[in-house]
């Protein structure tokens, strides 16, 4: 009986999160998937490999470099793939509060994965972490967090790696997300199949 109650509670929590963050399919009048936009494959970039102490020896690790608009996949610290990405509409700085349109910066993990009708695949990151919560608290104390409908918005959640329903924007490198990391659909499908739950993700400026 207790296990049934826990399962039901988790189901409700996941449903609320999914609805609030737009993870369930929704209709859109944006252009649909066009394979002709993805003629080029992901190619390696010249960026040096990072120090991997943050990955705790994981088989796969992901590094997102915001200034390069790239997502690099490493296997046992060897670079395997580099994909072009687009990010949050706000161009720089770590995410601080819900709705600031920034992509987080820090170390996270992939904590949930599922196919997605709108964005092909969705991989949820463990944002906010403890550092993000402290950053939010400091910003709130300093008056750098807006008050919306009489209350602060919180640090936000439901930040992930996903595909796109705006293929033309991704191809042109136009940042359009509310803070997530968006790949071309063939790329996110390949990445989704390669990385397991728990994969560490470093996002750096």
Foldseek 3Di string as FASTA:
>chain_A
DVVVVVVVVVVVVVVVVCVVVVQADDDDPFAADDVVLPPDFFDDDPDDQDDCPVQVQDQWAWEQELVVQWIWIDGSSHTDGIFHKAFFQPRDDAQAFQQPRAAHAFKWFFADKDQGPAFGIKTFIPPPDPVSQVSNVVCVVVVNFDQDPNHGGGRDGRATETEHRNSVCRSVRRHDDSHHIYGHNVVVVVVRVPDDGGHMYGYDD
